[in-house]
């Protein structure tokens, strides 16, 4: 892209089940390869996402999640969305009109399926996933989550990662807008439980962990 070139872009804001998270949807892809990335602090964005790096300059921004054509932003309690949503939407739109790449590189430790990411999450998690061995139900559970749960979760500005099935319990991790909202966590947990129990007799409970 030559200097001064403007990329026609539109952005709209969309509420999520989490009152502290707003989803900003663009009419072009922000991250490629089917990847999703969550930044919990500005240092993680360096050499990864110039858009996220800039957004962390807003003092009320706590967390940024980017997937497909949207960015979900988690704010702190200092301001209500009614005071900042229009400012953020315009800022994101103008930034995208002037910059072709929102996410240039996703480090291994920020990719959920990578060993580096798994290692980081083990430190933050209260659950030792190393003790769980693969089960005969992993493929079926993953298929059900991908088909019936993941699209709805992404629509709400979040993500779900299947971790393990052990002794009747399905372990999943929630990111983006799904994290930090007790009501949406309980609703999602209940919905996943009902879905999996209806299709797999051996499922007794879903353990949903925020990361």
C-alpha atoms as a PDB file:
ATOM      1  CA  UNK A   1       0.000   0.000   0.000  1.00  0.00           C
ATOM      2  CA  UNK A   2       1.448   3.315  -1.017  1.00  0.00           C
ATOM      3  CA  UNK A   3       1.764   6.159   1.433  1.00  0.00           C
ATOM      4  CA  UNK A   4      -1.464   8.090   1.772  1.00  0.00           C
ATOM      5  CA  UNK A   5      -3.643   5.330   0.320  1.00  0.00           C
ATOM      6  CA  UNK A   6      -7.021   5.045   2.046  1.00  0.00           C
ATOM      7  CA  UNK A   7      -8.634   1.626   2.457  1.00  0.00           C
ATOM      8  CA  UNK A   8     -12.441   1.997   2.413  1.00  0.00           C
ATOM      9  CA  UNK A   9     -13.571   0.419   5.687  1.00  0.00           C
ATOM     10  CA  UNK A  10     -16.723   0.450   7.762  1.00  0.00           C
ATOM     11  CA  UNK A  11     -16.956  -0.521  11.421  1.00  0.00           C
ATOM     12  CA  UNK A  12     -19.956  -0.983  13.672  1.00  0.00           C
ATOM     13  CA  UNK A  13     -20.217  -1.648  17.397  1.00  0.00           C
ATOM     14  CA  UNK A  14     -22.153  -4.582  18.788  1.00  0.00           C
ATOM     15  CA  UNK A  15     -23.023  -5.317  22.409  1.00  0.00           C
ATOM     16  CA  UNK A  16     -22.094  -8.668  23.938  1.00  0.00           C
ATOM     17  CA  UNK A  17     -23.502 -10.640  26.883  1.00  0.00           C
ATOM     18  CA  UNK A  18     -20.635  -9.277  28.951  1.00  0.00           C
ATOM     19  CA  UNK A  19     -21.465  -5.664  29.978  1.00  0.00           C
ATOM     20  CA  UNK A  20     -17.765  -4.769  30.070  1.00  0.00           C
ATOM     21  CA  UNK A  21     -17.063  -6.022  26.537  1.00  0.00           C
ATOM     22  CA  UNK A  22     -17.967  -4.353  23.236  1.00  0.00           C
ATOM     23  CA  UNK A  23     -17.462  -5.996  19.859  1.00  0.00           C
ATOM     24  CA  UNK A  24     -16.302  -3.852  16.927  1.00  0.00           C
ATOM     25  CA  UNK A  25     -16.976  -5.464  13.558  1.00  0.00           C
ATOM     26  CA  UNK A  26     -15.200  -4.421  10.354  1.00  0.00           C
ATOM     27  CA  UNK A  27     -16.115  -5.230   6.757  1.00  0.00           C
ATOM     28  CA  UNK A  28     -12.708  -6.799   6.167  1.00  0.00           C
ATOM     29  CA  UNK A  29     -10.556  -9.474   7.770  1.00  0.00           C
ATOM     30  CA  UNK A  30      -8.379  -8.391  10.698  1.00  0.00           C
ATOM     31  CA  UNK A  31      -6.558 -11.683  11.298  1.00  0.00           C
ATOM     32  CA  UNK A  32      -5.955 -14.450   8.761  1.00  0.00           C
ATOM     33  CA  UNK A  33      -5.437 -18.208   8.826  1.00  0.00           C
ATOM     34  CA  UNK A  34      -8.423 -18.866  11.065  1.00  0.00           C
ATOM     35  CA  UNK A  35      -6.422 -17.626  14.047  1.00  0.00           C
ATOM     36  CA  UNK A  36      -7.742 -15.912  17.147  1.00  0.00           C
ATOM     37  CA  UNK A  37      -5.601 -13.926  19.538  1.00  0.00           C
ATOM     38  CA  UNK A  38      -6.148 -12.411  22.953  1.00  0.00           C
ATOM     39  CA  UNK A  39      -3.943  -9.692  24.418  1.00  0.00           C
ATOM     40  CA  UNK A  40      -4.107  -9.108  28.158  1.00  0.00           C
ATOM     41  CA  UNK A  41      -1.509  -6.352  28.257  1.00  0.00           C
ATOM     42  CA  UNK A  42       0.224  -3.986  25.876  1.00  0.00           C
ATOM     43  CA  UNK A  43       3.568  -5.800  26.035  1.00  0.00           C
ATOM     44  CA  UNK A  44       1.996  -8.815  24.319  1.00  0.00           C
ATOM     45  CA  UNK A  45       1.060  -6.737  21.266  1.00  0.00           C
ATOM     46  CA  UNK A  46       4.606  -5.637  20.398  1.00  0.00           C
ATOM     47  CA  UNK A  47       5.595  -7.002  16.952  1.00  0.00           C
ATOM     48  CA  UNK A  48       2.240  -8.765  16.816  1.00  0.00           C
ATOM     49  CA  UNK A  49      -0.719  -6.407  16.432  1.00  0.00           C
ATOM     50  CA  UNK A  50      -0.185  -2.707  15.753  1.00  0.00           C
ATOM     51  CA  UNK A  51      -3.936  -2.144  16.141  1.00  0.00           C
ATOM     52  CA  UNK A  52      -4.076  -3.737  19.582  1.00  0.00           C
ATOM     53  CA  UNK A  53      -0.917  -1.880  20.588  1.00  0.00           C
ATOM     54  CA  UNK A  54      -2.607   1.427  19.791  1.00  0.00           C
ATOM     55  CA  UNK A  55      -5.872   0.472  21.508  1.00  0.00           C
ATOM     56  CA  UNK A  56      -4.062  -0.223  24.771  1.00  0.00           C
ATOM     57  CA  UNK A  57      -3.157   3.469  24.839  1.00  0.00           C
ATOM     58  CA  UNK A  58      -6.741   4.132  25.920  1.00  0.00           C
ATOM     59  CA  UNK A  59      -6.526   4.035  29.739  1.00  0.00           C
ATOM     60  CA  UNK A  60      -9.794   2.145  30.153  1.00  0.00           C
ATOM     61  CA  UNK A  61      -8.840  -0.791  27.882  1.00  0.00           C
ATOM     62  CA  UNK A  62      -8.084  -3.976  29.874  1.00  0.00           C
ATOM     63  CA  UNK A  63      -8.197  -6.756  27.294  1.00  0.00           C
ATOM     64  CA  UNK A  64      -8.322  -7.142  23.496  1.00  0.00           C
ATOM     65  CA  UNK A  65      -9.512 -10.196  21.565  1.00  0.00           C
ATOM     66  CA  UNK A  66      -9.243 -10.354  17.744  1.00  0.00           C
ATOM     67  CA  UNK A  67     -10.884 -12.979  15.555  1.00  0.00           C
ATOM     68  CA  UNK A  68     -11.915 -12.919  11.901  1.00  0.00           C
ATOM     69  CA  UNK A  69     -13.295  -9.473  11.151  1.00  0.00           C
ATOM     70  CA  UNK A  70     -13.862  -8.227  14.687  1.00  0.00           C
ATOM     71  CA  UNK A  71     -12.078  -6.968  17.764  1.00  0.00           C
ATOM     72  CA  UNK A  72     -13.623  -7.342  21.221  1.00  0.00           C
ATOM     73  CA  UNK A  73     -12.516  -4.805  23.804  1.00  0.00           C
ATOM     74  CA  UNK A  74     -12.862  -5.263  27.556  1.00  0.00           C
ATOM     75  CA  UNK A  75     -12.973  -2.006  29.516  1.00  0.00           C
ATOM     76  CA  UNK A  76     -12.518  -1.260  33.185  1.00  0.00           C
ATOM     77  CA  UNK A  77     -15.201   0.243  35.441  1.00  0.00           C
ATOM     78  CA  UNK A  78     -14.031   3.852  35.130  1.00  0.00           C
ATOM     79  CA  UNK A  79     -16.347   4.781  32.236  1.00  0.00           C
ATOM     80  CA  UNK A  80     -19.618   3.549  30.770  1.00  0.00           C
ATOM     81  CA  UNK A  81     -19.793   2.469  27.144  1.00  0.00           C
ATOM     82  CA  UNK A  82     -22.166   5.316  26.360  1.00  0.00           C
ATOM     83  CA  UNK A  83     -19.261   7.715  26.929  1.00  0.00           C
ATOM     84  CA  UNK A  84     -16.627   5.919  24.836  1.00  0.00           C
ATOM     85  CA  UNK A  85     -18.160   3.559  22.269  1.00  0.00           C
ATOM     86  CA  UNK A  86     -18.470   6.142  19.482  1.00  0.00           C
ATOM     87  CA  UNK A  87     -14.921   7.371  20.076  1.00  0.00           C
ATOM     88  CA  UNK A  88     -13.549   3.837  19.898  1.00  0.00           C
ATOM     89  CA  UNK A  89     -15.560   2.941  16.814  1.00  0.00           C
ATOM     90  CA  UNK A  90     -14.327   6.004  14.933  1.00  0.00           C
ATOM     91  CA  UNK A  91     -10.759   5.431  16.079  1.00  0.00           C
ATOM     92  CA  UNK A  92     -10.771   1.805  14.905  1.00  0.00           C
ATOM     93  CA  UNK A  93     -12.372   2.754  11.601  1.00  0.00           C
ATOM     94  CA  UNK A  94      -9.842   5.520  10.892  1.00  0.00           C
ATOM     95  CA  UNK A  95      -6.945   3.272  11.919  1.00  0.00           C
ATOM     96  CA  UNK A  96      -8.082   0.498   9.591  1.00  0.00           C
ATOM     97  CA  UNK A  97      -8.550   2.956   6.729  1.00  0.00           C
ATOM     98  CA  UNK A  98      -4.900   3.951   7.072  1.00  0.00           C
ATOM     99  CA  UNK A  99      -3.361   0.552   7.869  1.00  0.00           C
ATOM    100  CA  UNK A 100      -3.623  -2.666   5.888  1.00  0.00           C
ATOM    101  CA  UNK A 101      -2.466  -5.048   8.618  1.00  0.00           C
ATOM    102  CA  UNK A 102      -4.173  -5.232  12.017  1.00  0.00           C
ATOM    103  CA  UNK A 103      -2.404  -8.413  13.154  1.00  0.00           C
ATOM    104  CA  UNK A 104       0.894  -9.148  11.470  1.00  0.00           C
ATOM    105  CA  UNK A 105       2.243 -11.974  13.584  1.00  0.00           C
ATOM    106  CA  UNK A 106       0.856 -14.133  16.366  1.00  0.00           C
ATOM    107  CA  UNK A 107       3.605 -15.468  18.677  1.00  0.00           C
ATOM    108  CA  UNK A 108       3.414 -19.156  19.530  1.00  0.00           C
ATOM    109  CA  UNK A 109       2.631 -18.449  23.173  1.00  0.00           C
ATOM    110  CA  UNK A 110      -0.591 -16.672  22.101  1.00  0.00           C
ATOM    111  CA  UNK A 111      -1.856 -19.474  19.805  1.00  0.00           C
ATOM    112  CA  UNK A 112      -4.185 -21.748  21.849  1.00  0.00           C
ATOM    113  CA  UNK A 113      -3.102 -25.019  20.224  1.00  0.00           C
ATOM    114  CA  UNK A 114       0.632 -24.391  20.485  1.00  0.00           C
ATOM    115  CA  UNK A 115       2.826 -26.030  23.162  1.00  0.00           C
ATOM    116  CA  UNK A 116       4.071 -22.595  24.265  1.00  0.00           C
ATOM    117  CA  UNK A 117       0.500 -21.374  24.859  1.00  0.00           C
ATOM    118  CA  UNK A 118      -0.434 -24.554  26.686  1.00  0.00           C
ATOM    119  CA  UNK A 119       2.570 -24.098  28.940  1.00  0.00           C
ATOM    120  CA  UNK A 120       1.548 -20.533  29.770  1.00  0.00           C
ATOM    121  CA  UNK A 121      -2.040 -21.573  30.534  1.00  0.00           C
ATOM    122  CA  UNK A 122      -0.904 -24.371  32.816  1.00  0.00           C
ATOM    123  CA  UNK A 123       0.772 -21.764  34.978  1.00  0.00           C
ATOM    124  CA  UNK A 124      -2.401 -19.670  35.149  1.00  0.00           C
ATOM    125  CA  UNK A 125      -4.846 -22.572  35.423  1.00  0.00           C
ATOM    126  CA  UNK A 126      -5.931 -24.305  38.606  1.00  0.00           C
ATOM    127  CA  UNK A 127      -6.379 -27.525  36.626  1.00  0.00           C
ATOM    128  CA  UNK A 128      -3.494 -29.839  35.775  1.00  0.00           C
ATOM    129  CA  UNK A 129      -4.448 -30.952  32.269  1.00  0.00           C
ATOM    130  CA  UNK A 130      -1.314 -33.090  31.995  1.00  0.00           C
ATOM    131  CA  UNK A 131      -2.965 -35.782  34.101  1.00  0.00           C
ATOM    132  CA  UNK A 132      -5.769 -36.239  31.550  1.00  0.00           C
ATOM    133  CA  UNK A 133      -5.240 -38.776  28.766  1.00  0.00           C
ATOM    134  CA  UNK A 134      -7.038 -38.555  25.385  1.00  0.00           C
ATOM    135  CA  UNK A 135     -10.496 -40.125  25.463  1.00  0.00           C
ATOM    136  CA  UNK A 136     -12.662 -41.897  22.899  1.00  0.00           C
ATOM    137  CA  UNK A 137     -15.106 -38.980  23.064  1.00  0.00           C
ATOM    138  CA  UNK A 138     -12.668 -36.167  22.201  1.00  0.00           C
ATOM    139  CA  UNK A 139     -13.514 -36.105  18.505  1.00  0.00           C
ATOM    140  CA  UNK A 140     -17.288 -36.142  19.072  1.00  0.00           C
ATOM    141  CA  UNK A 141     -17.118 -33.422  21.724  1.00  0.00           C
ATOM    142  CA  UNK A 142     -14.948 -31.241  19.508  1.00  0.00           C
ATOM    143  CA  UNK A 143     -17.346 -31.722  16.595  1.00  0.00           C
ATOM    144  CA  UNK A 144     -20.377 -30.747  18.695  1.00  0.00           C
ATOM    145  CA  UNK A 145     -18.640 -27.677  20.093  1.00  0.00           C
ATOM    146  CA  UNK A 146     -17.417 -26.575  16.649  1.00  0.00           C
ATOM    147  CA  UNK A 147     -20.830 -26.999  15.052  1.00  0.00           C
ATOM    148  CA  UNK A 148     -23.217 -25.742  17.724  1.00  0.00           C
ATOM    149  CA  UNK A 149     -21.292 -23.680  20.287  1.00  0.00           C
ATOM    150  CA  UNK A 150     -18.297 -22.007  18.663  1.00  0.00           C
ATOM    151  CA  UNK A 151     -20.286 -19.940  16.100  1.00  0.00           C
ATOM    152  CA  UNK A 152     -22.532 -18.496  18.813  1.00  0.00           C
ATOM    153  CA  UNK A 153     -19.583 -17.776  21.101  1.00  0.00           C
ATOM    154  CA  UNK A 154     -17.711 -16.010  18.291  1.00  0.00           C
ATOM    155  CA  UNK A 155     -20.865 -14.052  17.434  1.00  0.00           C
ATOM    156  CA  UNK A 156     -20.783 -12.759  21.010  1.00  0.00           C
ATOM    157  CA  UNK A 157     -17.117 -11.769  20.692  1.00  0.00           C
ATOM    158  CA  UNK A 158     -15.504 -14.684  22.481  1.00  0.00           C
ATOM    159  CA  UNK A 159     -13.880 -18.063  21.989  1.00  0.00           C
ATOM    160  CA  UNK A 160     -14.053 -21.542  23.484  1.00  0.00           C
ATOM    161  CA  UNK A 161     -11.218 -24.089  23.615  1.00  0.00           C
ATOM    162  CA  UNK A 162     -11.860 -27.762  24.381  1.00  0.00           C
ATOM    163  CA  UNK A 163      -9.283 -29.094  26.829  1.00  0.00           C
ATOM    164  CA  UNK A 164     -10.194 -32.594  28.003  1.00  0.00           C
ATOM    165  CA  UNK A 165     -12.800 -35.178  28.989  1.00  0.00           C
ATOM    166  CA  UNK A 166     -12.155 -36.971  32.276  1.00  0.00           C
ATOM    167  CA  UNK A 167     -14.406 -38.957  34.615  1.00  0.00           C
ATOM    168  CA  UNK A 168     -17.621 -37.546  33.154  1.00  0.00           C
ATOM    169  CA  UNK A 169     -16.398 -33.944  33.102  1.00  0.00           C
ATOM    170  CA  UNK A 170     -15.801 -31.892  29.951  1.00  0.00           C
ATOM    171  CA  UNK A 171     -13.189 -29.192  30.490  1.00  0.00           C
ATOM    172  CA  UNK A 172     -13.282 -26.045  28.351  1.00  0.00           C
ATOM    173  CA  UNK A 173     -11.565 -22.668  28.521  1.00  0.00           C
ATOM    174  CA  UNK A 174     -13.332 -19.421  27.639  1.00  0.00           C
ATOM    175  CA  UNK A 175     -11.688 -16.317  26.209  1.00  0.00           C
ATOM    176  CA  UNK A 176     -12.672 -12.865  24.988  1.00  0.00           C
ATOM    177  CA  UNK A 177     -16.154 -11.601  25.872  1.00  0.00           C
ATOM    178  CA  UNK A 178     -16.998 -14.946  27.522  1.00  0.00           C
ATOM    179  CA  UNK A 179     -14.422 -14.342  30.216  1.00  0.00           C
ATOM    180  CA  UNK A 180     -15.174 -12.251  33.292  1.00  0.00           C
ATOM    181  CA  UNK A 181     -18.972 -12.283  33.028  1.00  0.00           C
ATOM    182  CA  UNK A 182     -20.535 -14.606  35.645  1.00  0.00           C
ATOM    183  CA  UNK A 183     -24.023 -14.561  34.122  1.00  0.00           C
ATOM    184  CA  UNK A 184     -22.898 -15.359  30.583  1.00  0.00           C
ATOM    185  CA  UNK A 185     -20.471 -17.967  31.956  1.00  0.00           C
ATOM    186  CA  UNK A 186     -23.320 -19.773  33.720  1.00  0.00           C
ATOM    187  CA  UNK A 187     -25.613 -19.520  30.690  1.00  0.00           C
ATOM    188  CA  UNK A 188     -22.914 -20.830  28.368  1.00  0.00           C
ATOM    189  CA  UNK A 189     -21.910 -23.608  30.779  1.00  0.00           C
ATOM    190  CA  UNK A 190     -25.533 -24.717  31.065  1.00  0.00           C
ATOM    191  CA  UNK A 191     -26.048 -24.637  27.310  1.00  0.00           C
ATOM    192  CA  UNK A 192     -22.924 -26.700  26.648  1.00  0.00           C
ATOM    193  CA  UNK A 193     -23.903 -29.189  29.340  1.00  0.00           C
ATOM    194  CA  UNK A 194     -27.386 -29.676  27.867  1.00  0.00           C
ATOM    195  CA  UNK A 195     -25.973 -30.132  24.360  1.00  0.00           C
ATOM    196  CA  UNK A 196     -23.292 -32.641  25.330  1.00  0.00           C
ATOM    197  CA  UNK A 197     -25.495 -34.611  27.740  1.00  0.00           C
ATOM    198  CA  UNK A 198     -28.144 -34.979  25.025  1.00  0.00           C
ATOM    199  CA  UNK A 199     -25.595 -36.470  22.640  1.00  0.00           C
ATOM    200  CA  UNK A 200     -23.122 -38.299  24.894  1.00  0.00           C
ATOM    201  CA  UNK A 201     -24.483 -40.315  27.821  1.00  0.00           C
ATOM    202  CA  UNK A 202     -21.123 -40.348  29.583  1.00  0.00           C
ATOM    203  CA  UNK A 203     -21.047 -36.549  30.019  1.00  0.00           C
ATOM    204  CA  UNK A 204     -22.076 -35.489  33.522  1.00  0.00           C
ATOM    205  CA  UNK A 205     -20.763 -31.931  33.823  1.00  0.00           C
ATOM    206  CA  UNK A 206     -18.980 -29.133  31.994  1.00  0.00           C
ATOM    207  CA  UNK A 207     -16.161 -27.311  33.780  1.00  0.00           C
ATOM    208  CA  UNK A 208     -15.763 -23.877  32.166  1.00  0.00           C
ATOM    209  CA  UNK A 209     -12.575 -22.041  33.086  1.00  0.00           C
ATOM    210  CA  UNK A 210     -11.731 -18.424  32.300  1.00  0.00           C
ATOM    211  CA  UNK A 211      -8.207 -17.710  31.017  1.00  0.00           C
END
